[in-house]
Amino acid sequence: MNKIILAMLMLTLVMASTTSRRSLCSTCEYVFGYIRDHCVDIANITEKILEEKIEAACEQVVDKSICQYVEQIAKKEIEHLFDIIVNQEKAIVPETLCKHLRLCQ
C-alpha cells in the first residue's frame, strides 16, 4: 500500500514538473514572439529596448509569476540574447532564444 502511494506521489511530481516546464517554455516563446511581432526594426534594437519589450510582453501574460521568472532569466542573459538577435540570427527567433535560456528543450 505504501509503495502504491509513493509511486502515485512520484508520478504526480513528475507530471507537475513537466507541466511547469511546458508553461515556462510556452511563456518564454510567447514573450519573444510578442517582441518579434511588435519590434519593427531589428537593426536599431538595443539592450534597453529589448528589456523594455520583455516587460511589455509580460504585461500581456495572464500568469504573472511565470512571466516574472522568464523576465528575470532573460534580463540576466540580456547581453547574450542581444548578441544572438543582432549578430547571429539577425532576427528574433523565440525557439532559439528560449533554448538558450534553457526554458525550452
PDB file of N, CA and C in Angstrom:
ATOM      1  N   MET A   1       0.827  -1.190   0.000  1.00  0.00           N
ATOM      2  CA  MET A   1       0.000   0.000   0.000  1.00  0.00           C
ATOM      3  C   MET A   1       0.873   1.256   0.000  1.00  0.00           C
ATOM      4  N   ASN A   2       1.909   1.273   0.869  1.00  0.00           N
ATOM      5  CA  ASN A   2       2.799   2.436   0.926  1.00  0.00           C
ATOM      6  C   ASN A   2       3.536   2.647  -0.387  1.00  0.00           C
ATOM      7  N   LYS A   3       3.904   1.532  -1.050  1.00  0.00           N
ATOM      8  CA  LYS A   3       4.603   1.631  -2.330  1.00  0.00           C
ATOM      9  C   LYS A   3       3.708   2.246  -3.395  1.00  0.00           C
ATOM     10  N   ILE A   4       2.440   1.911  -3.362  1.00  0.00           N
ATOM     11  CA  ILE A   4       1.488   2.471  -4.322  1.00  0.00           C
ATOM     12  C   ILE A   4       1.340   3.971  -4.095  1.00  0.00           C
ATOM     13  N   ILE A   5       1.200   4.370  -2.862  1.00  0.00           N
ATOM     14  CA  ILE A   5       1.076   5.796  -2.535  1.00  0.00           C
ATOM     15  C   ILE A   5       2.336   6.545  -2.946  1.00  0.00           C
ATOM     16  N   LEU A   6       3.482   5.968  -2.658  1.00  0.00           N
ATOM     17  CA  LEU A   6       4.751   6.590  -3.030  1.00  0.00           C
ATOM     18  C   LEU A   6       4.875   6.715  -4.547  1.00  0.00           C
ATOM     19  N   ALA A   7       4.483   5.674  -5.264  1.00  0.00           N
ATOM     20  CA  ALA A   7       4.537   5.697  -6.731  1.00  0.00           C
ATOM     21  C   ALA A   7       3.606   6.771  -7.289  1.00  0.00           C
ATOM     22  N   MET A   8       2.416   6.889  -6.717  1.00  0.00           N
ATOM     23  CA  MET A   8       1.463   7.910  -7.166  1.00  0.00           C
ATOM     24  C   MET A   8       1.999   9.306  -6.887  1.00  0.00           C
ATOM     25  N   LEU A   9       2.622   9.488  -5.743  1.00  0.00           N
ATOM     26  CA  LEU A   9       3.203  10.777  -5.390  1.00  0.00           C
ATOM     27  C   LEU A   9       4.316  11.147  -6.366  1.00  0.00           C
ATOM     28  N   MET A  10       5.176  10.191  -6.681  1.00  0.00           N
ATOM     29  CA  MET A  10       6.272  10.431  -7.623  1.00  0.00           C
ATOM     30  C   MET A  10       5.729  10.789  -9.001  1.00  0.00           C
ATOM     31  N   LEU A  11       4.711  10.080  -9.445  1.00  0.00           N
ATOM     32  CA  LEU A  11       4.095  10.358 -10.740  1.00  0.00           C
ATOM     33  C   LEU A  11       3.502  11.759 -10.764  1.00  0.00           C
ATOM     34  N   THR A  12       2.849  12.149  -9.690  1.00  0.00           N
ATOM     35  CA  THR A  12       2.278  13.490  -9.584  1.00  0.00           C
ATOM     36  C   THR A  12       3.362  14.555  -9.664  1.00  0.00           C
ATOM     37  N   LEU A  13       4.474  14.338  -8.976  1.00  0.00           N
ATOM     38  CA  LEU A  13       5.582  15.298  -9.009  1.00  0.00           C
ATOM     39  C   LEU A  13       6.181  15.412 -10.403  1.00  0.00           C
ATOM     40  N   VAL A  14       6.340  14.298 -11.081  1.00  0.00           N
ATOM     41  CA  VAL A  14       6.885  14.309 -12.445  1.00  0.00           C
ATOM     42  C   VAL A  14       5.940  15.051 -13.380  1.00  0.00           C
ATOM     43  N   MET A  15       4.649  14.784 -13.257  1.00  0.00           N
ATOM     44  CA  MET A  15       3.668  15.457 -14.107  1.00  0.00           C
ATOM     45  C   MET A  15       3.651  16.954 -13.833  1.00  0.00           C
ATOM     46  N   ALA A  16       3.729  17.355 -12.578  1.00  0.00           N
ATOM     47  CA  ALA A  16       3.743  18.780 -12.223  1.00  0.00           C
ATOM     48  C   ALA A  16       4.987  19.450 -12.773  1.00  0.00           C
ATOM     49  N   SER A  17       6.108  18.771 -12.686  1.00  0.00           N
ATOM     50  CA  SER A  17       7.359  19.313 -13.207  1.00  0.00           C
ATOM     51  C   SER A  17       7.284  19.492 -14.718  1.00  0.00           C
ATOM     52  N   THR A  18       6.730  18.507 -15.411  1.00  0.00           N
ATOM     53  CA  THR A  18       6.591  18.577 -16.863  1.00  0.00           C
ATOM     54  C   THR A  18       5.660  19.711 -17.255  1.00  0.00           C
ATOM     55  N   THR A  19       4.547  19.853 -16.547  1.00  0.00           N
ATOM     56  CA  THR A  19       3.602  20.929 -16.820  1.00  0.00           C
ATOM     57  C   THR A  19       4.257  22.276 -16.583  1.00  0.00           C
ATOM     58  N   SER A  20       5.013  22.384 -15.508  1.00  0.00           N
ATOM     59  CA  SER A  20       5.703  23.627 -15.189  1.00  0.00           C
ATOM     60  C   SER A  20       6.712  23.976 -16.276  1.00  0.00           C
ATOM     61  N   ARG A  21       7.475  22.988 -16.754  1.00  0.00           N
ATOM     62  CA  ARG A  21       8.453  23.213 -17.825  1.00  0.00           C
ATOM     63  C   ARG A  21       7.752  23.675 -19.093  1.00  0.00           C
ATOM     64  N   ARG A  22       6.627  23.047 -19.407  1.00  0.00           N
ATOM     65  CA  ARG A  22       5.873  23.454 -20.599  1.00  0.00           C
ATOM     66  C   ARG A  22       5.372  24.876 -20.455  1.00  0.00           C
ATOM     67  N   SER A  23       4.918  25.239 -19.262  1.00  0.00           N
ATOM     68  CA  SER A  23       4.433  26.600 -19.026  1.00  0.00           C
ATOM     69  C   SER A  23       5.554  27.614 -19.190  1.00  0.00           C
ATOM     70  N   LEU A  24       6.733  27.298 -18.655  1.00  0.00           N
ATOM     71  CA  LEU A  24       7.880  28.194 -18.811  1.00  0.00           C
ATOM     72  C   LEU A  24       8.251  28.342 -20.276  1.00  0.00           C
ATOM     73  N   CYS A  25       8.295  27.234 -20.987  1.00  0.00           N
ATOM     74  CA  CYS A  25       8.665  27.257 -22.395  1.00  0.00           C
ATOM     75  C   CYS A  25       7.644  28.053 -23.207  1.00  0.00           C
ATOM     76  N   SER A  26       6.373  27.763 -23.029  1.00  0.00           N
ATOM     77  CA  SER A  26       5.354  28.463 -23.821  1.00  0.00           C
ATOM     78  C   SER A  26       5.305  29.943 -23.476  1.00  0.00           C
ATOM     79  N   THR A  27       5.520  30.289 -22.201  1.00  0.00           N
ATOM     80  CA  THR A  27       5.546  31.703 -21.817  1.00  0.00           C
ATOM     81  C   THR A  27       6.746  32.395 -22.444  1.00  0.00           C
ATOM     82  N   CYS A  28       7.900  31.750 -22.393  1.00  0.00           N
ATOM     83  CA  CYS A  28       9.103  32.314 -22.996  1.00  0.00           C
ATOM     84  C   CYS A  28       8.893  32.535 -24.495  1.00  0.00           C
ATOM     85  N   GLU A  29       8.372  31.534 -25.175  1.00  0.00           N
ATOM     86  CA  GLU A  29       8.143  31.663 -26.612  1.00  0.00           C
ATOM     87  C   GLU A  29       7.108  32.742 -26.913  1.00  0.00           C
ATOM     88  N   TYR A  30       6.097  32.879 -26.055  1.00  0.00           N
ATOM     89  CA  TYR A  30       5.125  33.956 -26.237  1.00  0.00           C
ATOM     90  C   TYR A  30       5.811  35.316 -26.120  1.00  0.00           C
ATOM     91  N   VAL A  31       6.636  35.488 -25.076  1.00  0.00           N
ATOM     92  CA  VAL A  31       7.315  36.765 -24.832  1.00  0.00           C
ATOM     93  C   VAL A  31       8.137  37.171 -26.049  1.00  0.00           C
ATOM     94  N   PHE A  32       8.968  36.265 -26.547  1.00  0.00           N
ATOM     95  CA  PHE A  32       9.819  36.626 -27.678  1.00  0.00           C
ATOM     96  C   PHE A  32       9.044  36.685 -28.990  1.00  0.00           C
ATOM     97  N   GLY A  33       7.954  35.940 -29.094  1.00  0.00           N
ATOM     98  CA  GLY A  33       7.067  36.073 -30.252  1.00  0.00           C
ATOM     99  C   GLY A  33       6.401  37.441 -30.257  1.00  0.00           C
ATOM    100  N   TYR A  34       5.978  37.879 -29.083  1.00  0.00           N
ATOM    101  CA  TYR A  34       5.378  39.211 -28.942  1.00  0.00           C
ATOM    102  C   TYR A  34       6.383  40.286 -29.354  1.00  0.00           C
ATOM    103  N   ILE A  35       7.610  40.142 -28.884  1.00  0.00           N
ATOM    104  CA  ILE A  35       8.655  41.120 -29.226  1.00  0.00           C
ATOM    105  C   ILE A  35       8.898  41.107 -30.733  1.00  0.00           C
ATOM    106  N   ARG A  36       9.012  39.924 -31.309  1.00  0.00           N
ATOM    107  CA  ARG A  36       9.221  39.809 -32.762  1.00  0.00           C
ATOM    108  C   ARG A  36       8.102  40.517 -33.521  1.00  0.00           C
ATOM    109  N   ASP A  37       6.864  40.306 -33.081  1.00  0.00           N
ATOM    110  CA  ASP A  37       5.714  40.874 -33.780  1.00  0.00           C
ATOM    111  C   ASP A  37       5.534  42.369 -33.543  1.00  0.00           C
ATOM    112  N   HIS A  38       6.103  42.898 -32.450  1.00  0.00           N
ATOM    113  CA  HIS A  38       5.923  44.311 -32.108  1.00  0.00           C
ATOM    114  C   HIS A  38       7.204  45.131 -32.206  1.00  0.00           C
ATOM    115  N   CYS A  39       8.240  44.564 -32.750  1.00  0.00           N
ATOM    116  CA  CYS A  39       9.512  45.271 -32.889  1.00  0.00           C
ATOM    117  C   CYS A  39       9.756  45.468 -34.377  1.00  0.00           C
ATOM    118  N   VAL A  40       9.520  46.673 -34.836  1.00  0.00           N
ATOM    119  CA  VAL A  40       9.556  46.955 -36.262  1.00  0.00           C
ATOM    120  C   VAL A  40      10.959  46.821 -36.852  1.00  0.00           C
ATOM    121  N   ASP A  41      11.958  47.368 -36.183  1.00  0.00           N
ATOM    122  CA  ASP A  41      13.286  47.479 -36.781  1.00  0.00           C
ATOM    123  C   ASP A  41      14.347  46.776 -35.936  1.00  0.00           C
ATOM    124  N   ILE A  42      14.655  45.549 -36.270  1.00  0.00           N
ATOM    125  CA  ILE A  42      15.656  44.777 -35.531  1.00  0.00           C
ATOM    126  C   ILE A  42      17.026  45.440 -35.626  1.00  0.00           C
ATOM    127  N   ALA A  43      17.303  46.094 -36.738  1.00  0.00           N
ATOM    128  CA  ALA A  43      18.621  46.717 -36.941  1.00  0.00           C
ATOM    129  C   ALA A  43      18.910  47.798 -35.904  1.00  0.00           C
ATOM    130  N   ASN A  44      17.876  48.414 -35.362  1.00  0.00           N
ATOM    131  CA  ASN A  44      18.064  49.504 -34.397  1.00  0.00           C
ATOM    132  C   ASN A  44      17.737  49.112 -32.959  1.00  0.00           C
ATOM    133  N   ILE A  45      17.550  47.827 -32.713  1.00  0.00           N
ATOM    134  CA  ILE A  45      17.226  47.402 -31.346  1.00  0.00           C
ATOM    135  C   ILE A  45      18.470  47.531 -30.461  1.00  0.00           C
ATOM    136  N   THR A  46      18.240  47.907 -29.217  1.00  0.00           N
ATOM    137  CA  THR A  46      19.316  47.999 -28.223  1.00  0.00           C
ATOM    138  C   THR A  46      18.968  47.065 -27.068  1.00  0.00           C
ATOM    139  N   GLU A  47      19.921  46.852 -26.175  1.00  0.00           N
ATOM    140  CA  GLU A  47      19.643  46.020 -25.000  1.00  0.00           C
ATOM    141  C   GLU A  47      18.520  46.635 -24.172  1.00  0.00           C
ATOM    142  N   LYS A  48      18.526  47.955 -24.043  1.00  0.00           N
ATOM    143  CA  LYS A  48      17.488  48.642 -23.259  1.00  0.00           C
ATOM    144  C   LYS A  48      16.109  48.439 -23.895  1.00  0.00           C
ATOM    145  N   ILE A  49      16.033  48.593 -25.209  1.00  0.00           N
ATOM    146  CA  ILE A  49      14.757  48.380 -25.900  1.00  0.00           C
ATOM    147  C   ILE A  49      14.313  46.929 -25.730  1.00  0.00           C
ATOM    148  N   LEU A  50      15.247  46.000 -25.823  1.00  0.00           N
ATOM    149  CA  LEU A  50      14.918  44.584 -25.642  1.00  0.00           C
ATOM    150  C   LEU A  50      14.344  44.341 -24.249  1.00  0.00           C
ATOM    151  N   GLU A  51      14.963  44.923 -23.225  1.00  0.00           N
ATOM    152  CA  GLU A  51      14.441  44.797 -21.855  1.00  0.00           C
ATOM    153  C   GLU A  51      13.036  45.374 -21.754  1.00  0.00           C
ATOM    154  N   GLU A  52      12.824  46.548 -22.343  1.00  0.00           N
ATOM    155  CA  GLU A  52      11.501  47.187 -22.303  1.00  0.00           C
ATOM    156  C   GLU A  52      10.456  46.325 -23.007  1.00  0.00           C
ATOM    157  N   LYS A  53      10.842  45.714 -24.110  1.00  0.00           N
ATOM    158  CA  LYS A  53       9.910  44.850 -24.849  1.00  0.00           C
ATOM    159  C   LYS A  53       9.578  43.588 -24.049  1.00  0.00           C
ATOM    160  N   ILE A  54      10.554  43.058 -23.328  1.00  0.00           N
ATOM    161  CA  ILE A  54      10.298  41.892 -22.473  1.00  0.00           C
ATOM    162  C   ILE A  54       9.270  42.266 -21.407  1.00  0.00           C
ATOM    163  N   GLU A  55       9.447  43.430 -20.788  1.00  0.00           N
ATOM    164  CA  GLU A  55       8.494  43.901 -19.772  1.00  0.00           C
ATOM    165  C   GLU A  55       7.107  44.086 -20.375  1.00  0.00           C
ATOM    166  N   ALA A  56       7.048  44.699 -21.553  1.00  0.00           N
ATOM    167  CA  ALA A  56       5.756  44.932 -22.212  1.00  0.00           C
ATOM    168  C   ALA A  56       5.062  43.613 -22.545  1.00  0.00           C
ATOM    169  N   ALA A  57       5.833  42.643 -22.992  1.00  0.00           N
ATOM    170  CA  ALA A  57       5.256  41.333 -23.314  1.00  0.00           C
ATOM    171  C   ALA A  57       4.692  40.675 -22.064  1.00  0.00           C
ATOM    172  N   CYS A  58       5.402  40.792 -20.946  1.00  0.00           N
ATOM    173  CA  CYS A  58       4.936  40.179 -19.694  1.00  0.00           C
ATOM    174  C   CYS A  58       3.655  40.830 -19.178  1.00  0.00           C
ATOM    175  N   GLU A  59       3.437  42.073 -19.529  1.00  0.00           N
ATOM    176  CA  GLU A  59       2.183  42.730 -19.133  1.00  0.00           C
ATOM    177  C   GLU A  59       0.981  42.076 -19.813  1.00  0.00           C
ATOM    178  N   GLN A  60       1.217  41.396 -20.927  1.00  0.00           N
ATOM    179  CA  GLN A  60       0.140  40.760 -21.680  1.00  0.00           C
ATOM    180  C   GLN A  60      -0.165  39.340 -21.197  1.00  0.00           C
ATOM    181  N   VAL A  61       0.717  38.777 -20.381  1.00  0.00           N
ATOM    182  CA  VAL A  61       0.590  37.383 -19.945  1.00  0.00           C
ATOM    183  C   VAL A  61      -0.300  37.287 -18.711  1.00  0.00           C
ATOM    184  N   VAL A  62      -1.172  36.301 -18.688  1.00  0.00           N
ATOM    185  CA  VAL A  62      -2.096  36.116 -17.570  1.00  0.00           C
ATOM    186  C   VAL A  62      -1.357  35.671 -16.309  1.00  0.00           C
ATOM    187  N   ASP A  63      -0.489  34.670 -16.430  1.00  0.00           N
ATOM    188  CA  ASP A  63       0.232  34.146 -15.265  1.00  0.00           C
ATOM    189  C   ASP A  63       1.488  34.980 -15.028  1.00  0.00           C
ATOM    190  N   LYS A  64       1.338  36.006 -14.218  1.00  0.00           N
ATOM    191  CA  LYS A  64       2.428  36.964 -13.973  1.00  0.00           C
ATOM    192  C   LYS A  64       3.633  36.314 -13.301  1.00  0.00           C
ATOM    193  N   SER A  65       3.413  35.334 -12.429  1.00  0.00           N
ATOM    194  CA  SER A  65       4.546  34.737 -11.715  1.00  0.00           C
ATOM    195  C   SER A  65       5.475  33.991 -12.671  1.00  0.00           C
ATOM    196  N   ILE A  66       4.915  33.262 -13.614  1.00  0.00           N
ATOM    197  CA  ILE A  66       5.753  32.563 -14.590  1.00  0.00           C
ATOM    198  C   ILE A  66       6.475  33.576 -15.465  1.00  0.00           C
ATOM    199  N   CYS A  67       5.784  34.604 -15.889  1.00  0.00           N
ATOM    200  CA  CYS A  67       6.411  35.595 -16.757  1.00  0.00           C
ATOM    201  C   CYS A  67       7.492  36.376 -16.013  1.00  0.00           C
ATOM    202  N   GLN A  68       7.281  36.646 -14.746  1.00  0.00           N
ATOM    203  CA  GLN A  68       8.320  37.334 -13.973  1.00  0.00           C
ATOM    204  C   GLN A  68       9.584  36.484 -13.902  1.00  0.00           C
ATOM    205  N   TYR A  69       9.417  35.182 -13.786  1.00  0.00           N
ATOM    206  CA  TYR A  69      10.565  34.275 -13.769  1.00  0.00           C
ATOM    207  C   TYR A  69      11.292  34.319 -15.117  1.00  0.00           C
ATOM    208  N   VAL A  70      10.532  34.236 -16.201  1.00  0.00           N
ATOM    209  CA  VAL A  70      11.115  34.325 -17.546  1.00  0.00           C
ATOM    210  C   VAL A  70      11.831  35.662 -17.713  1.00  0.00           C
ATOM    211  N   GLU A  71      11.189  36.729 -17.248  1.00  0.00           N
ATOM    212  CA  GLU A  71      11.766  38.077 -17.348  1.00  0.00           C
ATOM    213  C   GLU A  71      13.091  38.170 -16.584  1.00  0.00           C
ATOM    214  N   GLN A  72      13.131  37.624 -15.383  1.00  0.00           N
ATOM    215  CA  GLN A  72      14.370  37.647 -14.585  1.00  0.00           C
ATOM    216  C   GLN A  72      15.510  36.940 -15.302  1.00  0.00           C
ATOM    217  N   ILE A  73      15.227  35.762 -15.815  1.00  0.00           N
ATOM    218  CA  ILE A  73      16.262  34.998 -16.514  1.00  0.00           C
ATOM    219  C   ILE A  73      16.703  35.735 -17.775  1.00  0.00           C
ATOM    220  N   ALA A  74      15.751  36.262 -18.520  1.00  0.00           N
ATOM    221  CA  ALA A  74      16.080  36.972 -19.758  1.00  0.00           C
ATOM    222  C   ALA A  74      16.937  38.203 -19.475  1.00  0.00           C
ATOM    223  N   LYS A  75      16.607  38.932 -18.417  1.00  0.00           N
ATOM    224  CA  LYS A  75      17.379  40.139 -18.097  1.00  0.00           C
ATOM    225  C   LYS A  75      18.799  39.799 -17.652  1.00  0.00           C
ATOM    226  N   LYS A  76      18.960  38.667 -16.976  1.00  0.00           N
ATOM    227  CA  LYS A  76      20.312  38.240 -16.583  1.00  0.00           C
ATOM    228  C   LYS A  76      21.150  37.892 -17.808  1.00  0.00           C
ATOM    229  N   GLU A  77      20.492  37.442 -18.848  1.00  0.00           N
ATOM    230  CA  GLU A  77      21.179  36.997 -20.068  1.00  0.00           C
ATOM    231  C   GLU A  77      21.017  37.996 -21.216  1.00  0.00           C
ATOM    232  N   ILE A  78      20.650  39.229 -20.900  1.00  0.00           N
ATOM    233  CA  ILE A  78      20.298  40.204 -21.935  1.00  0.00           C
ATOM    234  C   ILE A  78      21.419  40.408 -22.954  1.00  0.00           C
ATOM    235  N   GLU A  79      22.661  40.442 -22.494  1.00  0.00           N
ATOM    236  CA  GLU A  79      23.778  40.639 -23.428  1.00  0.00           C
ATOM    237  C   GLU A  79      23.873  39.487 -24.425  1.00  0.00           C
ATOM    238  N   HIS A  80      23.724  38.269 -23.936  1.00  0.00           N
ATOM    239  CA  HIS A  80      23.793  37.102 -24.823  1.00  0.00           C
ATOM    240  C   HIS A  80      22.598  37.064 -25.772  1.00  0.00           C
ATOM    241  N   LEU A  81      21.409  37.385 -25.253  1.00  0.00           N
ATOM    242  CA  LEU A  81      20.224  37.411 -26.106  1.00  0.00           C
ATOM    243  C   LEU A  81      20.390  38.454 -27.204  1.00  0.00           C
ATOM    244  N   PHE A  82      20.882  39.617 -26.821  1.00  0.00           N
ATOM    245  CA  PHE A  82      21.112  40.698 -27.779  1.00  0.00           C
ATOM    246  C   PHE A  82      22.092  40.230 -28.861  1.00  0.00           C
ATOM    247  N   ASP A  83      23.156  39.564 -28.442  1.00  0.00           N
ATOM    248  CA  ASP A  83      24.147  39.058 -29.396  1.00  0.00           C
ATOM    249  C   ASP A  83      23.518  38.051 -30.358  1.00  0.00           C
ATOM    250  N   ILE A  84      22.702  37.164 -29.839  1.00  0.00           N
ATOM    251  CA  ILE A  84      22.035  36.175 -30.694  1.00  0.00           C
ATOM    252  C   ILE A  84      21.129  36.872 -31.704  1.00  0.00           C
ATOM    253  N   ILE A  85      20.351  37.839 -31.236  1.00  0.00           N
ATOM    254  CA  ILE A  85      19.408  38.543 -32.110  1.00  0.00           C
ATOM    255  C   ILE A  85      20.134  39.345 -33.181  1.00  0.00           C
ATOM    256  N   VAL A  86      21.098  40.145 -32.778  1.00  0.00           N
ATOM    257  CA  VAL A  86      21.735  41.096 -33.691  1.00  0.00           C
ATOM    258  C   VAL A  86      22.836  40.458 -34.535  1.00  0.00           C
ATOM    259  N   ASN A  87      23.675  39.649 -33.924  1.00  0.00           N
ATOM    260  CA  ASN A  87      24.854  39.146 -34.633  1.00  0.00           C
ATOM    261  C   ASN A  87      24.698  37.758 -35.241  1.00  0.00           C
ATOM    262  N   GLN A  88      23.950  36.895 -34.591  1.00  0.00           N
ATOM    263  CA  GLN A  88      23.879  35.516 -35.074  1.00  0.00           C
ATOM    264  C   GLN A  88      22.657  35.268 -35.948  1.00  0.00           C
ATOM    265  N   GLU A  89      21.487  35.523 -35.416  1.00  0.00           N
ATOM    266  CA  GLU A  89      20.248  35.217 -36.128  1.00  0.00           C
ATOM    267  C   GLU A  89      19.793  36.348 -37.054  1.00  0.00           C
ATOM    268  N   LYS A  90      20.121  37.572 -36.701  1.00  0.00           N
ATOM    269  CA  LYS A  90      19.640  38.768 -37.405  1.00  0.00           C
ATOM    270  C   LYS A  90      18.108  38.841 -37.371  1.00  0.00           C
ATOM    271  N   ALA A  91      17.548  38.200 -36.345  1.00  0.00           N
ATOM    272  CA  ALA A  91      16.096  38.158 -36.175  1.00  0.00           C
ATOM    273  C   ALA A  91      15.784  37.673 -34.768  1.00  0.00           C
ATOM    274  N   ILE A  92      14.538  37.878 -34.375  1.00  0.00           N
ATOM    275  CA  ILE A  92      14.075  37.341 -33.093  1.00  0.00           C
ATOM    276  C   ILE A  92      13.415  35.997 -33.379  1.00  0.00           C
ATOM    277  N   VAL A  93      14.075  34.938 -32.944  1.00  0.00           N
ATOM    278  CA  VAL A  93      13.576  33.575 -33.141  1.00  0.00           C
ATOM    279  C   VAL A  93      13.286  33.007 -31.748  1.00  0.00           C
ATOM    280  N   PRO A  94      12.004  33.021 -31.329  1.00  0.00           N
ATOM    281  CA  PRO A  94      11.657  32.605 -29.969  1.00  0.00           C
ATOM    282  C   PRO A  94      12.224  31.243 -29.564  1.00  0.00           C
ATOM    283  N   GLU A  95      12.152  30.270 -30.443  1.00  0.00           N
ATOM    284  CA  GLU A  95      12.629  28.926 -30.103  1.00  0.00           C
ATOM    285  C   GLU A  95      14.121  28.948 -29.756  1.00  0.00           C
ATOM    286  N   THR A  96      14.908  29.656 -30.557  1.00  0.00           N
ATOM    287  CA  THR A  96      16.353  29.736 -30.332  1.00  0.00           C
ATOM    288  C   THR A  96      16.658  30.435 -29.016  1.00  0.00           C
ATOM    289  N   LEU A  97      15.984  31.554 -28.768  1.00  0.00           N
ATOM    290  CA  LEU A  97      16.241  32.335 -27.558  1.00  0.00           C
ATOM    291  C   LEU A  97      15.834  31.562 -26.304  1.00  0.00           C
ATOM    292  N   CYS A  98      14.703  30.887 -26.353  1.00  0.00           N
ATOM    293  CA  CYS A  98      14.227  30.144 -25.181  1.00  0.00           C
ATOM    294  C   CYS A  98      15.071  28.904 -24.912  1.00  0.00           C
ATOM    295  N   LYS A  99      15.602  28.299 -25.959  1.00  0.00           N
ATOM    296  CA  LYS A  99      16.539  27.188 -25.758  1.00  0.00           C
ATOM    297  C   LYS A  99      17.823  27.708 -25.133  1.00  0.00           C
ATOM    298  N   HIS A 100      18.280  28.876 -25.573  1.00  0.00           N
ATOM    299  CA  HIS A 100      19.482  29.470 -24.984  1.00  0.00           C
ATOM    300  C   HIS A 100      19.279  29.719 -23.487  1.00  0.00           C
ATOM    301  N   LEU A 101      18.089  30.165 -23.118  1.00  0.00           N
ATOM    302  CA  LEU A 101      17.780  30.426 -21.709  1.00  0.00           C
ATOM    303  C   LEU A 101      17.494  29.141 -20.933  1.00  0.00           C
ATOM    304  N   ARG A 102      17.467  28.033 -21.637  1.00  0.00           N
ATOM    305  CA  ARG A 102      17.184  26.713 -21.059  1.00  0.00           C
ATOM    306  C   ARG A 102      15.778  26.612 -20.471  1.00  0.00           C
ATOM    307  N   LEU A 103      14.866  27.349 -21.086  1.00  0.00           N
ATOM    308  CA  LEU A 103      13.470  27.275 -20.680  1.00  0.00           C
ATOM    309  C   LEU A 103      12.696  26.340 -21.602  1.00  0.00           C
ATOM    310  N   CYS A 104      13.297  26.013 -22.734  1.00  0.00           N
ATOM    311  CA  CYS A 104      12.731  25.038 -23.671  1.00  0.00           C
ATOM    312  C   CYS A 104      13.831  24.054 -24.040  1.00  0.00           C
ATOM    313  N   GLN A 105      13.409  22.874 -24.433  1.00  0.00           N
ATOM    314  CA  GLN A 105      14.405  21.857 -24.813  1.00  0.00           C
ATOM    315  C   GLN A 105      14.598  21.826 -26.299  1.00  0.00           C
TER     316      GLN A 105
END
